[in-house]
N, C-alpha and C. Protein backbone atom coordinates (compact mmCIF):
# COMPACT_ATOMS: atom_id res chain seq x y z
N MET A 1 60.45 -39.08 133.32
CA MET A 1 60.61 -37.67 133.63
C MET A 1 60.82 -37.51 135.13
N GLY A 2 61.86 -36.79 135.56
CA GLY A 2 62.16 -36.60 136.98
C GLY A 2 61.18 -35.67 137.65
N ASP A 3 61.26 -35.60 138.97
CA ASP A 3 60.33 -34.77 139.73
C ASP A 3 60.44 -33.29 139.34
N ASN A 4 61.68 -32.79 139.15
CA ASN A 4 61.82 -31.39 138.77
C ASN A 4 61.17 -31.12 137.44
N GLN A 5 61.32 -32.02 136.48
CA GLN A 5 60.68 -31.87 135.19
C GLN A 5 59.17 -31.87 135.35
N GLU A 6 58.67 -32.78 136.18
CA GLU A 6 57.22 -32.89 136.39
C GLU A 6 56.66 -31.60 136.97
N GLU A 7 57.39 -30.99 137.92
CA GLU A 7 56.91 -29.76 138.55
C GLU A 7 56.83 -28.62 137.53
N LYS A 8 57.72 -28.59 136.57
CA LYS A 8 57.78 -27.50 135.61
C LYS A 8 56.93 -27.76 134.38
N LYS A 9 56.57 -29.02 134.12
CA LYS A 9 55.92 -29.41 132.87
C LYS A 9 54.65 -28.63 132.59
N CYS A 10 53.71 -28.68 133.49
CA CYS A 10 52.42 -28.02 133.27
C CYS A 10 52.17 -27.08 134.43
N CYS A 11 51.76 -25.92 134.10
CA CYS A 11 51.55 -24.97 135.18
C CYS A 11 50.19 -24.32 135.02
N CYS A 12 50.14 -23.04 135.08
CA CYS A 12 48.87 -22.34 134.93
C CYS A 12 48.52 -22.31 133.45
N CYS A 13 47.42 -22.87 133.15
CA CYS A 13 47.00 -22.99 131.76
C CYS A 13 45.94 -21.95 131.46
N GLN A 14 45.48 -21.97 130.23
CA GLN A 14 44.44 -21.04 129.80
C GLN A 14 43.21 -21.08 130.71
N ASP A 15 42.87 -22.28 131.18
CA ASP A 15 41.66 -22.42 132.00
C ASP A 15 41.90 -22.13 133.48
N LYS A 16 43.06 -21.57 133.79
CA LYS A 16 43.40 -21.15 135.15
C LYS A 16 43.39 -22.31 136.15
N THR A 17 43.94 -23.43 135.75
CA THR A 17 44.17 -24.54 136.66
C THR A 17 45.66 -24.79 136.70
N LYS A 18 46.10 -25.59 137.68
CA LYS A 18 47.51 -25.88 137.80
C LYS A 18 47.71 -27.32 138.20
N HIS A 19 48.58 -27.98 137.49
CA HIS A 19 49.00 -29.33 137.88
C HIS A 19 50.13 -29.16 138.89
N ARG A 20 49.96 -29.76 140.06
CA ARG A 20 50.98 -29.68 141.09
C ARG A 20 51.68 -31.03 141.22
N SER A 21 52.94 -30.97 141.58
CA SER A 21 53.66 -32.21 141.85
C SER A 21 53.03 -32.86 143.08
N GLU A 22 53.24 -34.14 143.25
CA GLU A 22 52.70 -34.86 144.41
C GLU A 22 53.20 -34.24 145.71
N LYS A 23 54.48 -33.87 145.74
CA LYS A 23 55.07 -33.26 146.95
C LYS A 23 54.40 -31.92 147.27
N GLU A 24 54.25 -31.06 146.26
CA GLU A 24 53.63 -29.77 146.49
C GLU A 24 52.19 -29.94 146.96
N TYR A 25 51.46 -30.84 146.29
CA TYR A 25 50.07 -31.11 146.66
C TYR A 25 49.97 -31.57 148.11
N LYS A 26 50.78 -32.54 148.49
CA LYS A 26 50.73 -33.07 149.86
C LYS A 26 51.09 -32.01 150.88
N ASP A 27 52.09 -31.20 150.58
CA ASP A 27 52.49 -30.13 151.51
C ASP A 27 51.36 -29.14 151.73
N LEU A 28 50.72 -28.71 150.65
CA LEU A 28 49.62 -27.74 150.77
C LEU A 28 48.44 -28.34 151.53
N ILE A 29 48.08 -29.57 151.20
CA ILE A 29 46.95 -30.22 151.87
C ILE A 29 47.26 -30.42 153.36
N ASN A 30 48.49 -30.82 153.69
CA ASN A 30 48.86 -31.00 155.10
C ASN A 30 48.76 -29.68 155.86
N ARG A 31 49.23 -28.61 155.25
CA ARG A 31 49.14 -27.29 155.90
C ARG A 31 47.68 -26.91 156.14
N LEU A 32 46.85 -27.11 155.13
CA LEU A 32 45.43 -26.78 155.26
C LEU A 32 44.74 -27.65 156.30
N SER A 33 45.11 -28.91 156.37
CA SER A 33 44.52 -29.80 157.37
C SER A 33 44.87 -29.35 158.79
N ARG A 34 46.12 -28.92 158.98
CA ARG A 34 46.51 -28.41 160.30
C ARG A 34 45.73 -27.15 160.65
N ILE A 35 45.58 -26.26 159.67
CA ILE A 35 44.82 -25.03 159.90
C ILE A 35 43.36 -25.36 160.22
N GLU A 36 42.80 -26.30 159.48
CA GLU A 36 41.43 -26.73 159.73
C GLU A 36 41.28 -27.25 161.16
N GLY A 37 42.25 -28.01 161.62
CA GLY A 37 42.22 -28.50 162.99
C GLY A 37 42.30 -27.36 164.00
N GLN A 38 43.12 -26.37 163.71
CA GLN A 38 43.23 -25.21 164.60
C GLN A 38 41.89 -24.47 164.67
N VAL A 39 41.21 -24.32 163.54
CA VAL A 39 39.92 -23.62 163.52
C VAL A 39 38.89 -24.40 164.32
N ARG A 40 38.88 -25.72 164.16
CA ARG A 40 37.96 -26.55 164.96
C ARG A 40 38.28 -26.40 166.45
N GLY A 41 39.56 -26.29 166.78
CA GLY A 41 39.95 -26.08 168.17
C GLY A 41 39.41 -24.78 168.73
N VAL A 42 39.48 -23.72 167.94
CA VAL A 42 38.96 -22.42 168.38
C VAL A 42 37.44 -22.49 168.53
N LYS A 43 36.79 -23.17 167.61
CA LYS A 43 35.34 -23.34 167.73
C LYS A 43 35.00 -24.04 169.05
N GLY A 44 35.76 -25.07 169.38
CA GLY A 44 35.55 -25.76 170.65
C GLY A 44 35.80 -24.86 171.85
N MET A 45 36.80 -23.98 171.73
CA MET A 45 37.08 -23.04 172.82
C MET A 45 35.88 -22.11 173.03
N VAL A 46 35.30 -21.62 171.94
CA VAL A 46 34.15 -20.73 172.05
C VAL A 46 32.97 -21.49 172.65
N GLU A 47 32.75 -22.71 172.16
CA GLU A 47 31.65 -23.52 172.68
C GLU A 47 31.81 -23.83 174.17
N ASN A 48 33.05 -23.90 174.64
CA ASN A 48 33.33 -24.20 176.05
C ASN A 48 33.60 -22.96 176.88
N ASP A 49 33.23 -21.80 176.34
CA ASP A 49 33.37 -20.53 177.06
C ASP A 49 34.79 -20.25 177.53
N ALA A 50 35.77 -20.51 176.66
CA ALA A 50 37.17 -20.23 177.00
C ALA A 50 37.38 -18.73 177.17
N TYR A 51 38.42 -18.40 177.88
CA TYR A 51 38.80 -17.01 178.16
C TYR A 51 39.19 -16.33 176.85
N CYS A 52 38.66 -15.12 176.63
CA CYS A 52 38.85 -14.41 175.35
C CYS A 52 40.31 -14.29 174.92
N PRO A 53 41.23 -13.86 175.80
CA PRO A 53 42.62 -13.75 175.36
C PRO A 53 43.20 -15.10 174.88
N ASP A 54 42.76 -16.20 175.48
CA ASP A 54 43.24 -17.52 175.04
C ASP A 54 42.76 -17.80 173.61
N ILE A 55 41.52 -17.45 173.34
CA ILE A 55 40.97 -17.64 171.99
C ILE A 55 41.71 -16.74 171.01
N LEU A 56 41.92 -15.50 171.39
CA LEU A 56 42.61 -14.56 170.51
C LEU A 56 44.02 -15.05 170.15
N MET A 57 44.72 -15.65 171.10
CA MET A 57 46.06 -16.18 170.83
C MET A 57 45.99 -17.32 169.82
N GLN A 58 44.98 -18.16 169.93
CA GLN A 58 44.81 -19.26 168.97
C GLN A 58 44.45 -18.73 167.58
N VAL A 59 43.62 -17.71 167.54
CA VAL A 59 43.26 -17.10 166.25
C VAL A 59 44.49 -16.46 165.62
N SER A 60 45.33 -15.86 166.43
CA SER A 60 46.58 -15.29 165.93
C SER A 60 47.46 -16.38 165.32
N ALA A 61 47.50 -17.54 165.95
CA ALA A 61 48.28 -18.66 165.41
C ALA A 61 47.70 -19.12 164.06
N ILE A 62 46.38 -19.12 163.95
CA ILE A 62 45.73 -19.49 162.69
C ILE A 62 46.09 -18.49 161.60
N THR A 63 46.04 -17.21 161.94
CA THR A 63 46.40 -16.17 160.98
C THR A 63 47.83 -16.35 160.49
N ALA A 64 48.74 -16.63 161.40
CA ALA A 64 50.14 -16.86 161.02
C ALA A 64 50.27 -18.09 160.12
N ALA A 65 49.51 -19.14 160.41
CA ALA A 65 49.56 -20.35 159.60
C ALA A 65 49.01 -20.08 158.19
N LEU A 66 47.95 -19.29 158.09
CA LEU A 66 47.40 -18.93 156.78
C LEU A 66 48.39 -18.06 156.00
N ASN A 67 49.05 -17.13 156.69
CA ASN A 67 50.05 -16.31 156.03
C ASN A 67 51.20 -17.16 155.51
N SER A 68 51.61 -18.14 156.28
CA SER A 68 52.67 -19.06 155.86
C SER A 68 52.23 -19.86 154.64
N PHE A 69 50.99 -20.35 154.65
CA PHE A 69 50.43 -21.07 153.50
C PHE A 69 50.49 -20.18 152.25
N ASN A 70 50.05 -18.92 152.40
CA ASN A 70 50.07 -17.99 151.27
C ASN A 70 51.48 -17.79 150.73
N LYS A 71 52.46 -17.66 151.62
CA LYS A 71 53.85 -17.46 151.19
C LYS A 71 54.34 -18.64 150.38
N VAL A 72 54.05 -19.85 150.84
CA VAL A 72 54.47 -21.06 150.12
C VAL A 72 53.78 -21.12 148.76
N LEU A 73 52.48 -20.90 148.74
CA LEU A 73 51.72 -20.97 147.49
C LEU A 73 52.19 -19.90 146.51
N LEU A 74 52.42 -18.69 147.00
CA LEU A 74 52.87 -17.60 146.14
C LEU A 74 54.26 -17.90 145.58
N ALA A 75 55.16 -18.39 146.40
CA ALA A 75 56.50 -18.73 145.92
C ALA A 75 56.44 -19.80 144.85
N ASN A 76 55.62 -20.83 145.06
CA ASN A 76 55.46 -21.88 144.05
C ASN A 76 54.89 -21.30 142.76
N HIS A 77 53.93 -20.41 142.89
CA HIS A 77 53.30 -19.79 141.72
C HIS A 77 54.33 -19.00 140.92
N ILE A 78 55.14 -18.21 141.60
CA ILE A 78 56.14 -17.39 140.90
C ILE A 78 57.18 -18.28 140.24
N ARG A 79 57.65 -19.30 140.96
CA ARG A 79 58.70 -20.18 140.42
C ARG A 79 58.24 -21.00 139.21
N THR A 80 56.96 -21.26 139.13
CA THR A 80 56.48 -22.12 138.04
C THR A 80 55.63 -21.32 137.06
N CYS A 81 54.44 -20.97 137.44
CA CYS A 81 53.47 -20.34 136.53
C CYS A 81 54.00 -19.02 135.94
N VAL A 82 54.46 -18.14 136.80
CA VAL A 82 54.89 -16.82 136.33
C VAL A 82 56.11 -16.97 135.42
N VAL A 83 57.08 -17.74 135.85
CA VAL A 83 58.29 -17.94 135.03
C VAL A 83 57.94 -18.58 133.70
N ASP A 84 57.12 -19.63 133.72
CA ASP A 84 56.73 -20.30 132.48
C ASP A 84 55.99 -19.35 131.54
N ASP A 85 55.06 -18.57 132.09
CA ASP A 85 54.31 -17.63 131.25
C ASP A 85 55.22 -16.56 130.66
N LEU A 86 56.16 -16.05 131.45
CA LEU A 86 57.10 -15.05 130.93
C LEU A 86 57.96 -15.64 129.81
N HIS A 87 58.43 -16.86 130.01
CA HIS A 87 59.21 -17.52 128.95
C HIS A 87 58.38 -17.72 127.69
N ALA A 88 57.08 -17.89 127.85
CA ALA A 88 56.19 -18.08 126.70
C ALA A 88 55.74 -16.75 126.10
N GLY A 89 56.25 -15.64 126.64
CA GLY A 89 55.91 -14.33 126.11
C GLY A 89 54.60 -13.76 126.62
N LYS A 90 54.06 -14.34 127.66
CA LYS A 90 52.79 -13.87 128.22
C LYS A 90 53.06 -12.86 129.34
N ASP A 91 53.39 -11.64 128.94
CA ASP A 91 53.77 -10.61 129.90
C ASP A 91 52.62 -10.17 130.80
N GLU A 92 51.38 -10.46 130.40
CA GLU A 92 50.23 -10.06 131.22
C GLU A 92 50.24 -10.75 132.59
N VAL A 93 51.03 -11.81 132.72
CA VAL A 93 51.12 -12.51 134.00
C VAL A 93 51.70 -11.59 135.08
N VAL A 94 52.49 -10.62 134.68
CA VAL A 94 53.06 -9.67 135.64
C VAL A 94 51.95 -8.80 136.23
N ASP A 95 51.05 -8.33 135.38
CA ASP A 95 49.93 -7.52 135.87
C ASP A 95 49.05 -8.34 136.81
N GLU A 96 48.82 -9.61 136.45
CA GLU A 96 48.02 -10.49 137.30
C GLU A 96 48.70 -10.69 138.66
N LEU A 97 50.02 -10.86 138.65
CA LEU A 97 50.77 -11.03 139.89
C LEU A 97 50.69 -9.77 140.75
N VAL A 98 50.84 -8.62 140.13
CA VAL A 98 50.76 -7.35 140.87
C VAL A 98 49.38 -7.19 141.49
N THR A 99 48.33 -7.48 140.74
CA THR A 99 46.96 -7.39 141.26
C THR A 99 46.78 -8.35 142.44
N THR A 100 47.29 -9.55 142.31
CA THR A 100 47.19 -10.54 143.39
C THR A 100 47.91 -10.04 144.63
N LEU A 101 49.12 -9.53 144.46
CA LEU A 101 49.89 -9.02 145.60
C LEU A 101 49.18 -7.85 146.27
N GLN A 102 48.59 -6.97 145.47
CA GLN A 102 47.86 -5.83 146.04
C GLN A 102 46.68 -6.32 146.89
N LYS A 103 45.98 -7.34 146.41
CA LYS A 103 44.86 -7.88 147.18
C LYS A 103 45.34 -8.55 148.46
N LEU A 104 46.46 -9.23 148.40
CA LEU A 104 47.02 -9.90 149.59
C LEU A 104 47.48 -8.89 150.64
N MET A 105 47.87 -7.72 150.21
CA MET A 105 48.44 -6.72 151.14
C MET A 105 47.43 -5.74 151.68
N LYS A 106 46.15 -5.99 151.47
CA LYS A 106 45.10 -5.10 152.00
C LYS A 106 45.10 -5.11 153.50
């Protein structure tokens, strides 16, 4: 089975888990590891009494990185889980997606 088939094979199941392709998994973990490093950097800045605007700029970068992570994750979710559920006749996935988007846009 090719990579594209593997990515589409299993998605969001009844138990609300998702099988991710190796590429998707590595990409998400790498993004989170970079964000984790940025947060540790900000913690170090606070511990070292860094200038507030410098800390704020780093926090802004973390926020942007988290937003980027969310965009990637959401796009993957729509392309796989939502599409698969709609093809399977599970229209309630649209309501779940709308609720998720509303929470993200608070």
